[in-house]
Protein backbone atom coordinates (compact mmCIF):
# COMPACT_ATOMS: atom_id res chain seq x y z
CA UNK A 1 0.32 7.34 -19.31
CA UNK A 2 3.10 8.78 -17.16
CA UNK A 3 3.41 7.00 -13.83
CA UNK A 4 4.83 8.44 -10.61
CA UNK A 5 5.86 6.02 -7.87
CA UNK A 6 5.74 7.40 -4.33
CA UNK A 7 6.98 5.70 -1.16
CA UNK A 8 5.48 7.42 1.92
CA UNK A 9 7.83 6.91 4.87
CA UNK A 10 7.33 8.28 8.35
CA UNK A 11 9.45 7.70 11.42
CA UNK A 12 6.72 7.68 14.08
CA UNK A 13 4.91 4.39 13.45
CA UNK A 14 2.81 3.49 16.49
CA UNK A 15 3.61 -0.24 16.16
CA UNK A 16 7.26 0.08 15.10
CA UNK A 17 8.89 3.54 15.48
CA UNK A 18 11.82 4.19 13.16
CA UNK A 19 10.89 1.30 10.88
CA UNK A 20 12.11 2.84 7.58
CA UNK A 21 15.64 3.09 8.99
CA UNK A 22 15.71 -0.50 10.24
CA UNK A 23 18.86 -2.24 9.00
CA UNK A 24 18.17 -5.45 7.10
CA UNK A 25 21.40 -7.25 6.24
CA UNK A 26 23.34 -4.03 5.75
CA UNK A 27 20.70 -1.90 4.03
CA UNK A 28 17.95 0.22 5.53
CA UNK A 29 14.41 -0.91 4.87
CA UNK A 30 13.65 2.25 2.90
CA UNK A 31 16.64 1.55 0.64
CA UNK A 32 15.45 -2.01 -0.01
CA UNK A 33 11.95 -0.79 -0.86
CA UNK A 34 13.32 1.92 -3.15
CA UNK A 35 15.69 -0.42 -5.00
CA UNK A 36 13.03 -3.08 -5.45
CA UNK A 37 10.41 -0.64 -6.72
CA UNK A 38 12.82 1.11 -9.09
CA UNK A 39 13.01 -2.06 -11.21
CA UNK A 40 9.35 -1.74 -12.29
CA UNK A 41 9.13 -1.25 -16.05
CA UNK A 42 6.05 0.97 -15.98
CA UNK A 43 7.39 3.56 -13.51
CA UNK A 44 8.60 6.84 -14.98
CA UNK A 45 9.87 8.25 -11.68
CA UNK A 46 10.17 7.19 -8.04
CA UNK A 47 10.22 9.44 -4.97
CA UNK A 48 10.25 8.91 -1.20
CA UNK A 49 7.88 11.22 0.66
CA UNK A 50 8.78 11.80 4.30
CA UNK A 51 8.36 14.36 7.07
CA UNK A 52 11.47 13.19 8.92
CA UNK A 53 14.93 14.63 8.38
CA UNK A 54 16.63 11.33 9.29
CA UNK A 55 14.77 9.45 6.57
CA UNK A 56 15.37 12.33 4.13
CA UNK A 57 19.13 12.12 4.71
CA UNK A 58 19.15 8.32 4.43
CA UNK A 59 17.48 8.42 1.01
CA UNK A 60 19.97 11.02 -0.20
CA UNK A 61 22.80 8.86 1.16
CA UNK A 62 21.91 5.88 -1.04
CA UNK A 63 21.21 8.07 -4.07
CA UNK A 64 17.41 8.05 -4.10
CA UNK A 65 14.99 10.89 -4.75
CA UNK A 66 13.13 12.31 -1.75
CA UNK A 67 10.80 15.17 -0.85
CA UNK A 68 10.18 16.57 2.63
CA UNK A 69 6.44 16.81 3.12
CA UNK A 70 4.20 18.35 5.76
CA UNK A 71 4.18 16.78 9.21
CA UNK A 72 0.44 17.46 9.44
CA UNK A 73 -0.58 14.65 7.07
CA UNK A 74 -2.69 11.94 8.65
CA UNK A 75 -2.13 9.34 5.94
CA UNK A 76 0.17 8.21 3.16
CA UNK A 77 -2.54 9.24 0.70
CA UNK A 78 -2.34 12.87 1.81
CA UNK A 79 1.46 12.68 1.58
CA UNK A 80 1.23 11.29 -1.96
CA UNK A 81 -1.16 14.07 -2.97
CA UNK A 82 1.32 16.70 -1.77
CA UNK A 83 4.11 15.13 -3.83
CA UNK A 84 1.83 14.92 -6.87
CA UNK A 85 1.22 18.68 -6.63
CA UNK A 86 4.89 19.13 -7.63
CA UNK A 87 4.52 16.85 -10.66
CA UNK A 88 1.30 17.81 -12.50
CA UNK A 89 2.27 15.99 -15.70
CA UNK A 90 1.82 12.53 -14.17
CA UNK A 91 -1.49 10.77 -14.89
CA UNK A 92 -1.10 7.78 -12.56
CA UNK A 93 0.34 7.47 -9.06
CA UNK A 94 1.33 4.26 -7.32
CA UNK A 95 1.63 4.35 -3.53
CA UNK A 96 4.30 1.86 -2.47
CA UNK A 97 4.30 0.87 1.18
CA UNK A 98 7.56 1.62 2.95
CA UNK A 99 7.36 -1.58 5.03
CA UNK A 100 7.58 -3.97 2.05
CA UNK A 101 11.35 -4.61 1.77
CA UNK A 102 10.69 -7.52 -0.60
CA UNK A 103 8.47 -5.54 -2.95
CA UNK A 104 8.61 -7.08 -6.40
CA UNK A 105 8.75 -4.91 -9.50
CA UNK A 106 6.44 -7.44 -11.19
CA UNK A 107 3.77 -6.64 -8.60
CA UNK A 108 3.90 -2.95 -9.41
CA UNK A 109 3.65 -3.55 -13.15
CA UNK A 110 0.79 -5.99 -12.61
CA UNK A 111 -1.11 -3.44 -10.54
CA UNK A 112 -0.55 -0.64 -13.03
CA UNK A 113 -1.86 -2.90 -15.77
CA UNK A 114 -5.35 -2.56 -14.26
CA UNK A 115 -5.52 0.95 -15.72
CA UNK A 116 -5.72 -0.40 -19.24
CA UNK A 117 -9.39 -0.41 -18.26
CA UNK A 118 -10.13 3.31 -18.44
CA UNK A 119 -12.97 3.01 -15.89
CA UNK A 120 -10.58 2.06 -13.06
CA UNK A 121 -10.23 4.79 -10.43
CA UNK A 122 -8.16 3.00 -7.78
CA UNK A 123 -6.49 -0.41 -7.87
CA UNK A 124 -4.87 -2.55 -5.20
CA UNK A 125 -3.34 -6.03 -4.94
CA UNK A 126 -4.82 -9.08 -3.23
CA UNK A 127 -3.52 -12.61 -2.69
CA UNK A 128 -5.86 -15.62 -2.85
CA UNK A 129 -4.00 -17.71 -0.25
CA UNK A 130 -5.40 -16.99 3.22
CA UNK A 131 -4.35 -19.20 6.12
CA UNK A 132 -6.33 -19.83 9.32
CA UNK A 133 -3.82 -17.67 11.18
CA UNK A 134 -4.36 -14.85 8.65
CA UNK A 135 -8.07 -14.93 9.44
CA UNK A 136 -7.46 -14.24 13.12
CA UNK A 137 -4.51 -11.85 12.66
CA UNK A 138 -5.76 -8.26 12.84
CA UNK A 139 -2.66 -7.09 10.94
CA UNK A 140 -3.62 -9.25 7.91
CA UNK A 141 -6.38 -7.39 6.10
CA UNK A 142 -9.10 -9.47 4.44
CA UNK A 143 -11.06 -8.30 1.39
CA UNK A 144 -14.48 -9.12 -0.04
CA UNK A 145 -14.93 -8.77 -3.81
CA UNK A 146 -17.93 -8.29 -6.08
CA UNK A 147 -18.46 -10.04 -9.45
CA UNK A 148 -16.42 -7.38 -11.27
CA UNK A 149 -13.46 -7.76 -8.91
CA UNK A 150 -14.13 -4.47 -7.19
CA UNK A 151 -13.81 -4.32 -3.41
CA UNK A 152 -16.96 -4.56 -1.32
CA UNK A 153 -15.24 -4.28 2.05
CA UNK A 154 -11.87 -4.51 3.79
CA UNK A 155 -11.66 -5.81 7.36
CA UNK A 156 -9.32 -6.94 10.08
CA UNK A 157 -11.95 -9.57 10.88
CA UNK A 158 -12.78 -12.74 8.95
CA UNK A 159 -15.89 -11.58 7.12
CA UNK A 160 -18.42 -12.87 6.25
CA UNK A 161 -19.68 -14.57 9.40
CA UNK A 162 -19.71 -18.32 8.71
CA UNK A 163 -22.30 -19.30 11.35
CA UNK A 164 -24.95 -20.36 8.81
CA UNK A 165 -22.55 -21.59 6.12
CA UNK A 166 -23.11 -25.15 4.86
CA UNK A 167 -19.41 -25.41 4.02
CA UNK A 168 -16.46 -24.01 5.92
CA UNK A 169 -14.56 -22.66 2.95
CA UNK A 170 -14.88 -19.15 1.56
CA UNK A 171 -12.85 -17.40 -1.19
CA UNK A 172 -11.16 -14.95 1.14
CA UNK A 173 -8.61 -12.58 -0.29
CA UNK A 174 -5.70 -11.11 1.63
CA UNK A 175 -4.87 -7.48 0.97
CA UNK A 176 -1.38 -6.45 -0.10
CA UNK A 177 -0.80 -2.80 0.72
CA UNK A 178 -0.04 -1.34 -2.68
CA UNK A 179 -2.38 1.23 -4.22
CA UNK A 180 -2.48 2.97 -7.57
CA UNK A 181 -4.81 5.81 -8.53
CA UNK A 182 -5.46 8.17 -11.37
CA UNK A 183 -4.02 11.55 -10.44
CA UNK A 184 -7.49 13.14 -10.56
CA UNK A 185 -8.90 10.60 -8.10
CA UNK A 186 -5.91 10.88 -5.76
CA UNK A 187 -6.49 14.62 -5.46
CA UNK A 188 -10.14 13.99 -4.62
CA UNK A 189 -9.75 11.25 -2.03
CA UNK A 190 -6.93 13.10 -0.23
CA UNK A 191 -9.45 15.76 0.80
CA UNK A 192 -12.28 13.47 1.97
CA UNK A 193 -13.39 13.64 5.58
CA UNK A 194 -12.91 10.48 7.69
CA UNK A 195 -15.90 8.20 8.20
CA UNK A 196 -16.99 5.91 11.05
CA UNK A 197 -16.10 2.69 9.17
CA UNK A 198 -12.54 3.86 8.63
CA UNK A 199 -12.13 4.96 12.22
CA UNK A 200 -13.53 1.69 13.57
CA UNK A 201 -11.29 -0.60 11.51
CA UNK A 202 -8.38 1.87 11.19
CA UNK A 203 -8.36 1.27 7.43
CA UNK A 204 -8.25 4.36 5.25
CA UNK A 205 -9.52 2.58 2.13
CA UNK A 206 -12.94 2.23 3.79
CA UNK A 207 -13.25 6.01 3.51
CA UNK A 208 -12.97 5.77 -0.26
CA UNK A 209 -15.60 3.04 -0.45
CA UNK A 210 -17.89 5.01 1.85
CA UNK A 211 -17.81 7.99 -0.51
CA UNK A 212 -18.57 5.84 -3.54
CA UNK A 213 -15.16 5.28 -5.15
CA UNK A 214 -14.49 1.86 -6.68
CA UNK A 215 -11.33 -0.09 -5.86
CA UNK A 216 -10.34 -2.68 -8.46
CA UNK A 217 -8.77 -5.81 -6.96
CA UNK A 218 -5.84 -7.31 -8.87
CA UNK A 219 -4.91 -10.84 -7.85
CA UNK A 220 -1.25 -11.73 -7.53
CA UNK A 221 0.50 -14.92 -6.53
CA UNK A 222 3.73 -13.14 -5.68
CA UNK A 223 4.36 -13.39 -1.95
CA UNK A 224 6.23 -10.52 -0.29
CA UNK A 225 6.07 -10.54 3.52
CA UNK A 226 5.89 -7.07 5.03
CA UNK A 227 7.05 -5.76 8.39
CA UNK A 228 4.22 -4.47 10.58
CA UNK A 229 5.73 -5.18 13.99
CA UNK A 230 9.23 -6.08 15.25
CA UNK A 231 8.32 -9.78 15.33
CA UNK A 232 7.94 -9.74 11.53
CA UNK A 233 11.63 -9.00 10.94
CA UNK A 234 12.75 -12.61 11.44
CA UNK A 235 10.18 -13.77 8.86
CA UNK A 236 11.64 -11.44 6.21
CA UNK A 237 15.38 -11.91 6.75
CA UNK A 238 15.66 -15.37 5.10
CA UNK A 239 14.39 -13.90 1.81
CA UNK A 240 16.96 -11.09 1.60
């Protein structure tokens, strides 16, 4: 199957404006994401999707591919769907977060491997190591899985409630913000109306679960710290 990699990148992040253009040891963050993702063996093409002229020019400067998309999009999913409309031959799309400067090509290939199962609609990565600080950090998303490794729920809170638990350990999973979808499913979910769960947690993937789509969880042991807020920059720099 032909795979299109898309990196949604917007300038106006509420927690860290201008984040894609942040310089990390001489390279912008968007350049580091692009170069890391481009090494994936299963990608047939890679494109940055942005609504900002500054990001557009930066991608052109380092020789990447970029498309200017509508400024009206409310999510990276909608932005990916617009890019896909220009490339109808692609059967799979992988949405690569623009705040993962340490993205590993092996992660992308591992995630795309989930689609060897033809029933998979959407897939995302999770990590089995969850620290006590992760449980209380609202920027570290926790995931509950069913017996088929499909997502039950994503939350900023440490679910389930452990009040009645006889032991104090639970197999929490930490979400890593990479998604892949079949092209048909991406077109469908991009047009879904928001739901109360999504709006409460500010997690778009809850919209997909609410409307009955299944999200396959793919475990990885590759650790790639992302940059949500300015304080995260110092945690990433030693790995560059």
